[in-house]
Amino acid sequence: MININLQRSKILIVDDQVANIDVLESYLLFEGYVNVRTTKDPRTVIEIFNEFEPDLILLDLQMPYIDGFEVMEQLQKVLMANTFLPILVLTAYATKEVKQQALSGGASDFLAKPFDLIEVGLRIKNLLYVGFLQKELRDQNQLLEDKVRERTYELEMNNIDLKKAKEKAEASDRLKSSFLNNISHEIRTPLNGILGFGNLLADAETLPEEKDTYLKIMNQSSARLLRTINNFMDISIITSGSLEIKKRDFWLNIVVNEVIGKFKPLCEVKDLGFSVEMDDIKSDTVINADKDLLLKVLGHLIDNAVKFTQEGNVTVRFKIMENELHCSVKDTGIGISQQGKTIVFKDFMQEDGSNTRAFEGTGLGLSIAKGILSQLGGMIYLESEKGKGSIFSFSFPATFSSTRNQ
């Protein structure tokens, strides 16, 4: 979905050389970009910008009438505050001074002519990706601001006293600050890895063994970024009440095997024990429920357990009680304080919400798990003591049978 959105991005090419425009335009169309505009006259850039509203500009520096530096100066004057417009400079005059001047004048990236089209394509994709994430961040910020305004209005309409209204507004501000701090960090950190090591991969002097290392880091950064975006999407779906529940029959052992296959290797890397207990559950037990949502809840809880446990073990337990499935995830990790228990299920919150927190994450995992269970008609519980580990337990209604009876 993200790649499709990127290919719909509007790209403006500004170059006085027809040959350069033809090459770039043909390459972009070949790569699937459907909204491409070009101009040989840099004096028309502002007019085209106002009409076309490009998401990315490919800009030459040495042009008649006005040069690329003047074009960037004009663009800075018409850009709205806090608006990110990526500009990729393509020029034959790639001196150190020119590069510094371009980057300080508004350019986001810089390539010297003659350029490699594959590298141009990668940099275009990276810059559009950054722009896409910036927009997502602004949209989430706007959504949060709308929620704050809505809550404030409701408080006023219900004639709640001024002190309580002030406390609510301050709480919303803290939530907003925590959201911005956590999400900005979770987006910037993997993006820096992708962009930085992407440039190193494109360097002809990079050794093959170094490229393997850089590629591994880029894959890890991409996976982390994808988790962040998926969490955004999940919490948006839950918040909007659009979560779809698809119940079907499946063996409970399938869930157990998937959990073991995914998390046991992660525990082994950290030298942690990992076990799954099945209380009086037969191997052929069939459950009618939403398998994907069950795995998602378990995934967030076990992921947290592994993340916050440095030594000891993680234990997952399944139990059937009448017409309910009961599950628990127990760890020997850092535990949660009494005060922390009041916030860990809230959106964008970790017990430690500071910029210097020791553990990565958006702070959405537990709120997603709680939201899913609420839609399933279930509940989630927390037992924890600081320094002595935690137990997250949950249950929800389901029906059970045995393949031997079918």
Protein backbone atom coordinates (compact mmCIF):
# COMPACT_ATOMS: atom_id res chain seq x y z
CA MET A 1 0.00 0.00 0.00
CA ILE A 2 2.83 2.40 0.88
CA ASN A 3 4.62 1.74 -2.43
CA ILE A 4 1.38 2.45 -4.33
CA ASN A 5 0.96 5.73 -2.45
CA LEU A 6 4.56 6.69 -3.25
CA GLN A 7 4.04 6.00 -6.96
CA ARG A 8 1.11 8.42 -6.92
CA SER A 9 3.36 11.18 -5.58
CA LYS A 10 3.70 14.34 -7.67
CA ILE A 11 7.24 14.90 -8.96
CA LEU A 12 8.48 18.08 -10.63
CA ILE A 13 11.67 18.01 -12.77
CA VAL A 14 13.43 21.38 -13.25
CA ASP A 15 16.32 21.25 -15.76
CA ASP A 16 17.20 23.36 -18.79
CA GLN A 17 18.58 20.34 -20.67
CA VAL A 18 15.94 18.43 -22.66
CA ALA A 19 18.07 15.27 -22.67
CA ASN A 20 18.21 15.18 -18.86
CA ILE A 21 14.46 15.73 -18.60
CA ASP A 22 13.73 12.96 -21.11
CA VAL A 23 15.94 10.45 -19.25
CA LEU A 24 14.52 11.25 -15.82
CA GLU A 25 10.91 11.40 -16.99
CA SER A 26 11.20 8.09 -18.86
CA TYR A 27 12.81 6.40 -15.87
CA LEU A 28 10.15 7.65 -13.46
CA LEU A 29 7.33 6.50 -15.74
CA PHE A 30 9.02 3.11 -16.08
CA GLU A 31 9.19 2.85 -12.28
CA GLY A 32 5.44 3.48 -12.04
CA TYR A 33 5.33 7.16 -11.04
CA VAL A 34 2.23 8.53 -12.75
CA ASN A 35 2.29 12.23 -11.77
CA VAL A 36 5.40 13.79 -13.33
CA ARG A 37 5.70 17.43 -14.51
CA THR A 38 8.72 19.07 -16.14
CA THR A 39 9.95 22.56 -16.94
CA LYS A 40 13.04 23.94 -18.67
CA ASP A 41 12.43 27.47 -17.40
CA PRO A 42 13.20 27.92 -13.69
CA ARG A 43 11.17 31.13 -13.66
CA THR A 44 7.97 29.06 -13.89
CA VAL A 45 8.68 26.91 -10.84
CA ILE A 46 6.62 28.94 -8.35
CA GLU A 47 3.63 29.05 -10.69
CA ILE A 48 3.84 25.29 -11.28
CA PHE A 49 4.35 24.70 -7.55
CA ASN A 50 1.15 26.56 -6.66
CA GLU A 51 -0.83 24.69 -9.30
CA PHE A 52 0.75 21.22 -9.17
CA GLU A 53 1.71 21.04 -5.45
CA PRO A 54 4.59 18.59 -5.97
CA ASP A 55 5.70 16.11 -3.31
CA LEU A 56 9.29 16.12 -4.62
CA ILE A 57 11.40 18.38 -6.86
CA LEU A 58 14.39 17.24 -8.94
CA LEU A 59 16.38 20.44 -9.41
CA ASP A 60 19.36 21.42 -11.56
CA LEU A 61 21.56 24.25 -10.25
CA GLN A 62 23.12 25.81 -13.35
CA MET A 63 20.28 27.19 -15.49
CA PRO A 64 19.60 30.36 -17.50
CA TYR A 65 17.59 33.29 -16.08
CA ILE A 66 17.84 32.16 -12.44
CA ASP A 67 19.86 29.34 -10.91
CA GLY A 68 18.74 26.55 -8.62
CA PHE A 69 19.81 28.42 -5.49
CA GLU A 70 17.40 31.25 -6.32
CA VAL A 71 14.64 28.73 -7.05
CA MET A 72 15.09 27.20 -3.58
CA GLU A 73 15.07 30.67 -2.03
CA GLN A 74 11.76 31.48 -3.76
CA LEU A 75 10.26 28.14 -2.64
CA GLN A 76 11.17 28.78 0.98
CA LYS A 77 9.13 31.99 0.86
CA VAL A 78 5.93 30.27 -0.34
CA LEU A 79 6.16 27.06 1.68
CA MET A 80 3.83 26.91 4.67
CA ALA A 81 5.42 26.68 8.09
CA ASN A 82 6.46 23.16 9.14
CA THR A 83 5.88 21.88 5.57
CA PHE A 84 8.44 19.37 4.32
CA LEU A 85 9.22 19.60 0.58
CA PRO A 86 12.07 17.24 -0.39
CA ILE A 87 14.40 18.64 -3.08
CA LEU A 88 16.94 16.39 -4.80
CA VAL A 89 19.66 18.48 -6.47
CA LEU A 90 21.21 17.02 -9.64
CA THR A 91 24.16 19.01 -10.97
CA ALA A 92 27.44 18.66 -12.79
CA TYR A 93 29.06 21.22 -10.50
CA ALA A 94 29.56 19.02 -7.46
CA THR A 95 32.23 20.91 -5.55
CA LYS A 96 32.26 20.78 -1.78
CA GLU A 97 31.25 24.45 -1.55
CA VAL A 98 28.33 24.02 -3.99
CA LYS A 99 27.08 20.98 -2.12
CA GLN A 100 27.19 22.79 1.22
CA GLN A 101 25.42 25.82 -0.22
CA ALA A 102 22.70 23.65 -1.77
CA LEU A 103 22.07 21.65 1.40
CA SER A 104 21.95 24.79 3.52
CA GLY A 105 19.64 26.48 0.99
CA GLY A 106 16.86 23.91 1.25
CA ALA A 107 18.05 20.81 -0.63
CA SER A 108 17.32 17.47 1.03
CA ASP A 109 19.81 15.41 -0.97
CA PHE A 110 22.51 15.92 -3.61
CA LEU A 111 23.76 13.92 -6.60
CA ALA A 112 26.47 14.78 -9.11
CA LYS A 113 26.00 14.40 -12.86
CA PRO A 114 26.40 12.09 -14.64
CA PHE A 115 24.20 10.18 -12.23
CA ASP A 116 23.28 6.53 -11.90
CA LEU A 117 19.54 6.09 -12.52
CA ILE A 118 19.21 3.28 -9.97
CA GLU A 119 20.74 5.47 -7.29
CA VAL A 120 18.48 8.34 -8.34
CA GLY A 121 15.49 6.01 -8.02
CA LEU A 122 16.53 4.87 -4.54
CA ARG A 123 17.03 8.41 -3.32
CA ILE A 124 13.70 9.51 -4.79
CA LYS A 125 11.95 6.63 -3.03
CA ASN A 126 13.69 7.42 0.27
CA LEU A 127 12.79 11.13 0.09
CA LEU A 128 9.17 10.37 -0.81
CA TYR A 129 9.07 7.88 2.05
CA VAL A 130 10.29 10.54 4.47
CA GLY A 131 7.64 12.93 3.14
CA PHE A 132 4.97 10.23 3.53
CA LEU A 133 5.94 9.63 7.15
CA GLN A 134 6.07 13.36 7.86
CA LYS A 135 2.50 13.64 6.58
CA GLU A 136 1.43 10.67 8.71
CA LEU A 137 2.99 12.36 11.74
CA ARG A 138 1.20 15.64 10.99
CA ASP A 139 -2.11 13.79 10.49
CA GLN A 140 -1.73 11.95 13.80
CA ASN A 141 -0.83 15.22 15.49
CA GLN A 142 -3.94 16.84 14.01
CA LEU A 143 -6.05 13.89 15.12
CA LEU A 144 -4.72 14.26 18.64
CA GLU A 145 -5.37 18.00 18.63
CA ASP A 146 -8.93 17.37 17.44
CA LYS A 147 -9.43 14.93 20.29
CA VAL A 148 -8.16 17.52 22.76
CA ARG A 149 -10.56 20.15 21.42
CA GLU A 150 -13.46 17.69 21.45
CA ARG A 151 -12.75 16.68 25.04
CA THR A 152 -12.45 20.31 26.15
CA TYR A 153 -15.78 21.15 24.50
CA GLU A 154 -17.48 18.20 26.19
CA LEU A 155 -16.14 19.29 29.55
CA GLU A 156 -17.49 22.80 29.02
CA MET A 157 -20.89 21.54 27.84
CA ASN A 158 -21.21 19.30 30.89
CA ASN A 159 -20.46 22.28 33.11
CA ILE A 160 -17.49 20.59 34.80
CA ASP A 161 -15.69 22.93 37.17
CA LEU A 162 -12.68 24.88 35.91
CA LYS A 163 -10.14 22.98 37.97
CA LYS A 164 -11.09 19.61 36.50
CA ALA A 165 -11.13 21.09 32.99
CA LYS A 166 -7.62 22.43 33.56
CA GLU A 167 -6.41 19.04 34.76
CA LYS A 168 -7.88 17.34 31.69
CA ALA A 169 -6.23 19.84 29.35
CA GLU A 170 -2.87 19.36 31.04
CA ALA A 171 -3.25 15.58 30.78
CA SER A 172 -3.98 15.92 27.05
CA ASP A 173 -0.91 18.11 26.62
CA ARG A 174 1.23 15.51 28.35
CA LEU A 175 -0.23 12.83 26.08
CA LYS A 176 0.54 14.97 23.05
CA SER A 177 4.11 15.58 24.21
CA SER A 178 4.64 11.91 24.92
CA PHE A 179 3.19 11.01 21.52
CA LEU A 180 5.43 13.46 19.68
CA ASN A 181 8.54 12.42 21.62
CA ASN A 182 7.98 8.69 21.25
CA ILE A 183 6.76 8.62 17.66
CA SER A 184 9.32 11.13 16.38
CA HIS A 185 12.02 8.95 17.92
CA GLU A 186 10.54 5.72 16.57
CA ILE A 187 10.33 7.15 13.04
CA ARG A 188 13.60 9.10 12.93
CA THR A 189 15.82 6.34 14.31
CA PRO A 190 15.06 3.64 11.69
CA LEU A 191 14.85 6.28 8.94
CA ASN A 192 18.36 7.43 9.75
CA GLY A 193 19.51 3.82 9.47
CA ILE A 194 17.77 3.33 6.14
CA LEU A 195 18.95 6.60 4.58
CA GLY A 196 22.46 6.53 6.03
CA PHE A 197 23.32 2.95 5.20
CA GLY A 198 21.49 3.25 1.88
CA ASN A 199 23.99 5.91 0.86
CA LEU A 200 26.86 3.68 1.98
CA LEU A 201 25.47 0.77 -0.06
CA ALA A 202 25.39 2.99 -3.13
CA ASP A 203 29.06 3.94 -2.62
CA ALA A 204 31.23 2.10 -5.14
CA GLU A 205 34.08 1.90 -2.62
CA THR A 206 32.03 -0.09 -0.10
CA LEU A 207 33.38 -3.63 0.32
CA PRO A 208 31.07 -6.64 -0.22
CA GLU A 209 31.33 -7.77 3.41
CA GLU A 210 30.48 -4.25 4.54
CA LYS A 211 27.45 -4.20 2.24
CA ASP A 212 26.14 -7.38 3.91
CA THR A 213 26.35 -5.67 7.30
CA TYR A 214 24.74 -2.47 6.01
CA LEU A 215 21.95 -4.43 4.33
CA LYS A 216 21.24 -6.28 7.58
CA ILE A 217 21.01 -2.98 9.46
CA MET A 218 18.70 -1.55 6.78
CA ASN A 219 16.45 -4.63 7.02
CA GLN A 220 16.29 -4.29 10.81
CA SER A 221 15.50 -0.58 10.51
CA SER A 222 12.83 -1.28 7.88
CA ALA A 223 11.23 -3.94 10.09
CA ARG A 224 11.16 -1.54 13.03
CA LEU A 225 9.65 1.20 10.88
CA LEU A 226 7.04 -1.21 9.53
CA ARG A 227 6.08 -2.24 13.08
CA THR A 228 5.61 1.42 13.98
CA ILE A 229 3.37 2.05 10.96
CA ASN A 230 1.37 -1.15 11.58
CA ASN A 231 0.81 -0.08 15.19
CA PHE A 232 -0.42 3.31 13.95
CA MET A 233 -2.86 1.61 11.60
CA ASP A 234 -4.08 -0.86 14.24
CA ILE A 235 -4.77 1.79 16.88
CA SER A 236 -6.52 3.96 14.27
CA ILE A 237 -8.79 1.05 13.28
CA ILE A 238 -9.55 0.22 16.91
CA THR A 239 -10.19 3.86 17.85
CA SER A 240 -12.53 4.36 14.89
CA GLY A 241 -14.51 1.21 15.77
CA SER A 242 -13.69 -0.35 12.38
CA LEU A 243 -12.05 -3.53 13.67
CA GLU A 244 -13.35 -6.59 11.79
CA ILE A 245 -13.72 -9.86 13.70
CA LYS A 246 -13.48 -13.00 11.56
CA LYS A 247 -14.27 -16.12 13.55
CA ARG A 248 -13.44 -19.56 12.21
CA ASP A 249 -12.44 -23.00 13.46
CA PHE A 250 -8.75 -23.77 13.95
CA TRP A 251 -6.58 -26.03 16.09
CA LEU A 252 -5.31 -24.26 19.19
CA ASN A 253 -2.01 -26.07 18.64
CA ILE A 254 -1.48 -23.96 15.49
CA VAL A 255 -1.38 -20.82 17.63
CA VAL A 256 0.95 -22.51 20.12
CA ASN A 257 3.37 -23.57 17.37
CA GLU A 258 3.40 -20.11 15.79
CA VAL A 259 4.13 -18.51 19.16
CA ILE A 260 6.98 -20.95 19.83
CA GLY A 261 8.42 -20.56 16.33
CA LYS A 262 8.46 -16.78 16.51
CA PHE A 263 9.53 -16.04 20.08
CA LYS A 264 11.68 -18.95 21.20
CA PRO A 265 14.58 -17.90 18.90
CA LEU A 266 14.33 -14.32 20.22
CA CYS A 267 14.59 -15.61 23.79
CA GLU A 268 17.56 -17.81 22.88
CA VAL A 269 19.40 -14.75 21.53
CA LYS A 270 19.01 -13.12 24.97
CA ASP A 271 19.74 -16.40 26.78
CA LEU A 272 16.22 -16.48 28.22
CA GLY A 273 14.11 -19.54 28.90
CA PHE A 274 10.85 -19.81 26.95
CA SER A 275 8.02 -22.26 27.62
CA VAL A 276 4.37 -22.77 26.75
CA GLU A 277 2.02 -24.52 29.18
CA MET A 278 -1.31 -26.10 28.15
CA ASP A 279 -3.47 -26.69 31.22
CA ASP A 280 -5.54 -29.86 30.53
CA ILE A 281 -5.90 -28.91 26.85
CA LYS A 282 -5.91 -31.81 24.41
CA SER A 283 -3.76 -31.69 21.29
CA ASP A 284 -6.80 -31.93 18.98
CA THR A 285 -8.73 -29.06 20.61
CA VAL A 286 -10.47 -26.84 18.05
CA ILE A 287 -11.39 -23.26 18.92
CA ASN A 288 -13.84 -21.02 17.08
CA ALA A 289 -12.44 -17.48 17.28
CA ASP A 290 -10.45 -14.90 15.32
CA LYS A 291 -7.02 -16.54 15.03
CA ASP A 292 -5.23 -13.44 13.68
CA LEU A 293 -6.47 -11.19 16.49
CA LEU A 294 -5.53 -13.81 19.10
CA LEU A 295 -2.01 -13.97 17.65
CA LYS A 296 -1.79 -10.18 17.57
CA VAL A 297 -2.69 -9.88 21.28
CA LEU A 298 -0.25 -12.64 22.21
CA GLY A 299 2.41 -11.07 19.99
CA HIS A 300 2.26 -7.70 21.75
CA LEU A 301 2.29 -9.25 25.23
CA ILE A 302 5.13 -11.71 24.54
CA ASP A 303 7.13 -9.08 22.65
CA ASN A 304 6.92 -6.82 25.71
CA ALA A 305 7.91 -9.68 28.01
CA VAL A 306 11.01 -10.47 25.94
CA LYS A 307 11.90 -6.78 25.56
CA PHE A 308 11.74 -5.99 29.28
CA THR A 309 13.41 -9.19 30.53
CA GLN A 310 17.20 -9.37 30.70
CA GLU A 311 17.55 -12.69 32.55
CA GLY A 312 15.32 -15.54 33.60
CA ASN A 313 12.42 -16.79 31.50
CA VAL A 314 9.15 -16.06 29.74
CA THR A 315 6.19 -18.42 30.21
CA VAL A 316 2.99 -18.50 28.13
CA ARG A 317 0.02 -20.37 29.54
CA PHE A 318 -3.25 -21.45 27.91
CA LYS A 319 -6.32 -22.62 29.83
CA ILE A 320 -9.96 -23.31 28.92
CA MET A 321 -12.59 -22.40 31.51
CA GLU A 322 -16.17 -23.15 30.44
CA ASN A 323 -16.73 -21.04 27.29
CA GLU A 324 -13.68 -18.81 27.65
CA LEU A 325 -10.04 -19.01 26.59
CA HIS A 326 -7.67 -17.82 29.32
CA CYS A 327 -4.09 -16.92 28.46
CA SER A 328 -1.24 -15.44 30.46
CA VAL A 329 2.27 -14.21 29.71
CA LYS A 330 4.64 -14.27 32.68
CA ASP A 331 8.16 -12.83 32.72
CA THR A 332 10.99 -12.25 35.20
CA GLY A 333 11.73 -8.77 33.88
CA ILE A 334 11.95 -5.29 35.35
CA GLY A 335 8.32 -5.20 36.49
CA ILE A 336 5.98 -2.21 36.68
CA SER A 337 5.43 0.19 39.56
CA GLN A 338 2.02 0.94 41.06
CA GLN A 339 2.01 4.31 39.32
CA GLY A 340 3.07 2.72 36.05
CA LYS A 341 0.11 0.33 36.13
CA THR A 342 -2.24 3.30 35.74
CA ILE A 343 -0.75 4.41 32.40
CA VAL A 344 0.70 1.41 30.53
CA PHE A 345 -2.63 0.60 28.82
CA LYS A 346 -3.04 4.15 27.53
CA ASP A 347 -2.19 5.15 23.94
CA PHE A 348 1.45 6.12 23.26
CA MET A 349 2.50 5.48 26.86
CA GLN A 350 5.36 3.54 28.42
CA GLU A 351 6.10 3.60 32.13
CA ASP A 352 9.25 5.50 31.17
CA GLY A 353 8.10 8.04 28.56
CA SER A 354 11.30 10.10 28.45
CA ASN A 355 13.49 10.66 25.41
CA THR A 356 16.25 8.68 27.13
CA ARG A 357 14.18 5.60 27.87
CA ALA A 358 16.11 2.36 27.63
CA PHE A 359 13.58 0.45 25.49
CA GLU A 360 12.36 1.26 22.00
CA GLY A 361 8.67 1.19 21.08
CA THR A 362 5.67 3.38 20.33
CA GLY A 363 3.88 2.65 23.60
CA LEU A 364 0.90 1.29 21.63
CA GLY A 365 1.25 -2.48 22.11
CA LEU A 366 -0.74 -2.79 25.33
CA SER A 367 -3.42 -0.33 24.25
CA ILE A 368 -3.83 -2.30 20.98
CA ALA A 369 -4.11 -5.58 22.93
CA LYS A 370 -6.66 -4.06 25.30
CA GLY A 371 -8.63 -2.57 22.39
CA ILE A 372 -8.78 -5.90 20.53
CA LEU A 373 -9.89 -7.78 23.64
CA SER A 374 -12.56 -5.18 24.31
CA GLN A 375 -13.95 -5.79 20.80
CA LEU A 376 -13.84 -9.55 21.43
CA GLY A 377 -15.83 -9.12 24.65
CA GLY A 378 -12.80 -10.00 26.77
CA MET A 379 -10.69 -8.50 29.55
CA ILE A 380 -6.99 -8.02 30.31
CA TYR A 381 -5.36 -8.00 33.74
CA LEU A 382 -1.93 -7.04 35.09
CA GLU A 383 -0.02 -8.34 38.10
CA SER A 384 3.41 -6.85 38.61
CA GLU A 385 5.94 -5.70 41.16
CA LYS A 386 8.88 -3.45 40.38
CA GLY A 387 12.00 -5.54 39.89
CA LYS A 388 10.16 -8.87 40.15
CA GLY A 389 8.53 -9.34 36.76
CA SER A 390 4.99 -9.14 35.41
CA ILE A 391 2.03 -11.34 34.51
CA PHE A 392 -0.37 -10.16 31.82
CA SER A 393 -3.53 -12.29 31.70
CA PHE A 394 -6.49 -12.07 29.38
CA SER A 395 -9.66 -13.97 28.56
CA PHE A 396 -12.43 -13.80 25.98
CA PRO A 397 -15.50 -15.87 25.01
CA ALA A 398 -14.99 -18.72 22.53
CA THR A 399 -16.39 -22.12 21.65
CA PHE A 400 -14.37 -25.32 21.70
CA SER A 401 -14.60 -28.81 20.25
CA SER A 402 -12.44 -31.82 19.50
CA THR A 403 -11.60 -33.24 16.08
CA ARG A 404 -12.23 -36.70 17.54
CA ASN A 405 -15.89 -35.74 17.97
CA GLN A 406 -16.29 -34.47 14.40
